[in-house]
Amino acid sequence: MNVCMEDLKAISARFETSSPEAVLRWGLQEFGSGMALVTGFGV
């Protein structure tokens, strides 16, 4: 998936008030097994 800044802004606005589950569900539908999850916890 190639996205431009406008696409990123629209995706961000769409999920601004969404649950983490909804965001993950979208990520899995969009990217399947190519989805990666990263975190800064424990830094």
PDB file of N, CA and C in Angstrom:
ATOM      1  N   MET A   1       0.853  -1.182   0.000  1.00  0.00           N
ATOM      2  CA  MET A   1       0.000   0.000   0.000  1.00  0.00           C
ATOM      3  C   MET A   1       0.890   1.234   0.000  1.00  0.00           C
ATOM      4  N   ASN A   2       0.769   2.031  -1.013  1.00  0.00           N
ATOM      5  CA  ASN A   2       1.466   3.311  -1.061  1.00  0.00           C
ATOM      6  C   ASN A   2       0.492   4.399  -0.651  1.00  0.00           C
ATOM      7  N   VAL A   3       0.885   5.198   0.313  1.00  0.00           N
ATOM      8  CA  VAL A   3       0.004   6.261   0.799  1.00  0.00           C
ATOM      9  C   VAL A   3       0.722   7.595   0.741  1.00  0.00           C
ATOM     10  N   CYS A   4      -0.044   8.628   0.488  1.00  0.00           N
ATOM     11  CA  CYS A   4       0.500   9.975   0.515  1.00  0.00           C
ATOM     12  C   CYS A   4       0.064  10.635   1.828  1.00  0.00           C
ATOM     13  N   MET A   5       0.544  11.822   2.058  1.00  0.00           N
ATOM     14  CA  MET A   5       0.238  12.529   3.305  1.00  0.00           C
ATOM     15  C   MET A   5      -1.269  12.736   3.467  1.00  0.00           C
ATOM     16  N   GLU A   6      -1.976  13.005   2.379  1.00  0.00           N
ATOM     17  CA  GLU A   6      -3.431  13.186   2.462  1.00  0.00           C
ATOM     18  C   GLU A   6      -4.111  11.895   2.904  1.00  0.00           C
ATOM     19  N   ASP A   7      -3.632  10.763   2.382  1.00  0.00           N
ATOM     20  CA  ASP A   7      -4.181   9.467   2.797  1.00  0.00           C
ATOM     21  C   ASP A   7      -3.944   9.240   4.283  1.00  0.00           C
ATOM     22  N   LEU A   8      -2.731   9.527   4.747  1.00  0.00           N
ATOM     23  CA  LEU A   8      -2.408   9.342   6.161  1.00  0.00           C
ATOM     24  C   LEU A   8      -3.276  10.204   7.055  1.00  0.00           C
ATOM     25  N   LYS A   9      -3.531  11.438   6.631  1.00  0.00           N
ATOM     26  CA  LYS A   9      -4.399  12.325   7.413  1.00  0.00           C
ATOM     27  C   LYS A   9      -5.818  11.773   7.492  1.00  0.00           C
ATOM     28  N   ALA A  10      -6.316  11.237   6.384  1.00  0.00           N
ATOM     29  CA  ALA A  10      -7.665  10.673   6.370  1.00  0.00           C
ATOM     30  C   ALA A  10      -7.747   9.424   7.252  1.00  0.00           C
ATOM     31  N   ILE A  11      -6.738   8.565   7.168  1.00  0.00           N
ATOM     32  CA  ILE A  11      -6.706   7.362   8.006  1.00  0.00           C
ATOM     33  C   ILE A  11      -6.631   7.750   9.475  1.00  0.00           C
ATOM     34  N   SER A  12      -5.793   8.720   9.787  1.00  0.00           N
ATOM     35  CA  SER A  12      -5.645   9.178  11.166  1.00  0.00           C
ATOM     36  C   SER A  12      -6.965   9.735  11.702  1.00  0.00           C
ATOM     37  N   ALA A  13      -7.631  10.555  10.898  1.00  0.00           N
ATOM     38  CA  ALA A  13      -8.906  11.137  11.325  1.00  0.00           C
ATOM     39  C   ALA A  13      -9.957  10.045  11.534  1.00  0.00           C
ATOM     40  N   ARG A  14      -9.943   9.046  10.654  1.00  0.00           N
ATOM     41  CA  ARG A  14     -10.914   7.957  10.751  1.00  0.00           C
ATOM     42  C   ARG A  14     -10.786   7.195  12.060  1.00  0.00           C
ATOM     43  N   PHE A  15      -9.566   7.010  12.532  1.00  0.00           N
ATOM     44  CA  PHE A  15      -9.336   6.191  13.716  1.00  0.00           C
ATOM     45  C   PHE A  15      -9.043   6.995  14.986  1.00  0.00           C
ATOM     46  N   GLU A  16      -9.174   8.300  14.910  1.00  0.00           N
ATOM     47  CA  GLU A  16      -8.879   9.162  16.064  1.00  0.00           C
ATOM     48  C   GLU A  16      -9.641   8.734  17.315  1.00  0.00           C
ATOM     49  N   THR A  17     -10.888   8.361  17.161  1.00  0.00           N
ATOM     50  CA  THR A  17     -11.705   7.987  18.327  1.00  0.00           C
ATOM     51  C   THR A  17     -12.050   6.498  18.336  1.00  0.00           C
ATOM     52  N   SER A  18     -11.385   5.728  17.489  1.00  0.00           N
ATOM     53  CA  SER A  18     -11.663   4.292  17.399  1.00  0.00           C
ATOM     54  C   SER A  18     -10.965   3.518  18.510  1.00  0.00           C
ATOM     55  N   SER A  19     -11.491   2.359  18.774  1.00  0.00           N
ATOM     56  CA  SER A  19     -10.868   1.480  19.767  1.00  0.00           C
ATOM     57  C   SER A  19      -9.598   0.869  19.178  1.00  0.00           C
ATOM     58  N   PRO A  20      -8.685   0.442  20.037  1.00  0.00           N
ATOM     59  CA  PRO A  20      -7.491  -0.249  19.537  1.00  0.00           C
ATOM     60  C   PRO A  20      -7.848  -1.480  18.701  1.00  0.00           C
ATOM     61  N   GLU A  21      -8.909  -2.172  19.098  1.00  0.00           N
ATOM     62  CA  GLU A  21      -9.337  -3.351  18.352  1.00  0.00           C
ATOM     63  C   GLU A  21      -9.747  -2.996  16.928  1.00  0.00           C
ATOM     64  N   ALA A  22     -10.427  -1.879  16.770  1.00  0.00           N
ATOM     65  CA  ALA A  22     -10.857  -1.449  15.434  1.00  0.00           C
ATOM     66  C   ALA A  22      -9.647  -1.105  14.557  1.00  0.00           C
ATOM     67  N   VAL A  23      -8.658  -0.467  15.153  1.00  0.00           N
ATOM     68  CA  VAL A  23      -7.449  -0.116  14.405  1.00  0.00           C
ATOM     69  C   VAL A  23      -6.706  -1.378  13.985  1.00  0.00           C
ATOM     70  N   LEU A  24      -6.565  -2.333  14.898  1.00  0.00           N
ATOM     71  CA  LEU A  24      -5.890  -3.588  14.573  1.00  0.00           C
ATOM     72  C   LEU A  24      -6.662  -4.387  13.522  1.00  0.00           C
ATOM     73  N   ARG A  25      -7.981  -4.397  13.643  1.00  0.00           N
ATOM     74  CA  ARG A  25      -8.809  -5.104  12.672  1.00  0.00           C
ATOM     75  C   ARG A  25      -8.590  -4.529  11.273  1.00  0.00           C
ATOM     76  N   TRP A  26      -8.586  -3.199  11.174  1.00  0.00           N
ATOM     77  CA  TRP A  26      -8.338  -2.550   9.893  1.00  0.00           C
ATOM     78  C   TRP A  26      -6.940  -2.904   9.375  1.00  0.00           C
ATOM     79  N   GLY A  27      -5.948  -2.859  10.238  1.00  0.00           N
ATOM     80  CA  GLY A  27      -4.589  -3.185   9.827  1.00  0.00           C
ATOM     81  C   GLY A  27      -4.473  -4.593   9.282  1.00  0.00           C
ATOM     82  N   LEU A  28      -5.118  -5.544   9.942  1.00  0.00           N
ATOM     83  CA  LEU A  28      -5.081  -6.925   9.469  1.00  0.00           C
ATOM     84  C   LEU A  28      -5.816  -7.088   8.145  1.00  0.00           C
ATOM     85  N   GLN A  29      -6.927  -6.388   7.985  1.00  0.00           N
ATOM     86  CA  GLN A  29      -7.663  -6.462   6.722  1.00  0.00           C
ATOM     87  C   GLN A  29      -6.869  -5.807   5.592  1.00  0.00           C
ATOM     88  N   GLU A  30      -6.189  -4.726   5.899  1.00  0.00           N
ATOM     89  CA  GLU A  30      -5.452  -3.963   4.890  1.00  0.00           C
ATOM     90  C   GLU A  30      -4.122  -4.618   4.515  1.00  0.00           C
ATOM     91  N   PHE A  31      -3.398  -5.150   5.514  1.00  0.00           N
ATOM     92  CA  PHE A  31      -2.046  -5.636   5.281  1.00  0.00           C
ATOM     93  C   PHE A  31      -1.861  -7.133   5.495  1.00  0.00           C
ATOM     94  N   GLY A  32      -2.840  -7.795   6.098  1.00  0.00           N
ATOM     95  CA  GLY A  32      -2.739  -9.237   6.326  1.00  0.00           C
ATOM     96  C   GLY A  32      -1.500  -9.600   7.125  1.00  0.00           C
ATOM     97  N   SER A  33      -0.816 -10.647   6.692  1.00  0.00           N
ATOM     98  CA  SER A  33       0.366 -11.116   7.422  1.00  0.00           C
ATOM     99  C   SER A  33       1.551 -10.175   7.285  1.00  0.00           C
ATOM    100  N   GLY A  34       1.435  -9.146   6.448  1.00  0.00           N
ATOM    101  CA  GLY A  34       2.503  -8.166   6.305  1.00  0.00           C
ATOM    102  C   GLY A  34       2.436  -7.046   7.337  1.00  0.00           C
ATOM    103  N   MET A  35       1.426  -7.088   8.196  1.00  0.00           N
ATOM    104  CA  MET A  35       1.291  -6.056   9.225  1.00  0.00           C
ATOM    105  C   MET A  35       2.331  -6.253  10.315  1.00  0.00           C
ATOM    106  N   ALA A  36       2.893  -5.166  10.774  1.00  0.00           N
ATOM    107  CA  ALA A  36       3.858  -5.208  11.880  1.00  0.00           C
ATOM    108  C   ALA A  36       3.332  -4.336  13.011  1.00  0.00           C
ATOM    109  N   LEU A  37       3.621  -4.734  14.199  1.00  0.00           N
ATOM    110  CA  LEU A  37       3.202  -3.996  15.392  1.00  0.00           C
ATOM    111  C   LEU A  37       4.451  -3.618  16.166  1.00  0.00           C
ATOM    112  N   VAL A  38       4.599  -2.335  16.453  1.00  0.00           N
ATOM    113  CA  VAL A  38       5.757  -1.861  17.215  1.00  0.00           C
ATOM    114  C   VAL A  38       5.270  -1.020  18.381  1.00  0.00           C
ATOM    115  N   THR A  39       6.097  -0.916  19.392  1.00  0.00           N
ATOM    116  CA  THR A  39       5.742  -0.123  20.560  1.00  0.00           C
ATOM    117  C   THR A  39       6.994   0.503  21.154  1.00  0.00           C
ATOM    118  N   GLY A  40       6.792   1.577  21.869  1.00  0.00           N
ATOM    119  CA  GLY A  40       7.894   2.239  22.563  1.00  0.00           C
ATOM    120  C   GLY A  40       7.845   1.951  24.057  1.00  0.00           C
ATOM    121  N   PHE A  41       6.958   1.039  24.471  1.00  0.00           N
ATOM    122  CA  PHE A  41       6.861   0.707  25.886  1.00  0.00           C
ATOM    123  C   PHE A  41       8.162   0.095  26.377  1.00  0.00           C
ATOM    124  N   GLY A  42       8.544   0.436  27.570  1.00  0.00           N
ATOM    125  CA  GLY A  42       9.727  -0.130  28.170  1.00  0.00           C
ATOM    126  C   GLY A  42      11.026   0.505  27.731  1.00  0.00           C
ATOM    127  N   VAL A  43      10.933   1.617  27.012  1.00  0.00           N
ATOM    128  CA  VAL A  43      12.153   2.285  26.546  1.00  0.00           C
ATOM    129  C   VAL A  43      12.773   3.047  27.690  1.00  0.00           C
TER     130      VAL A  43
END
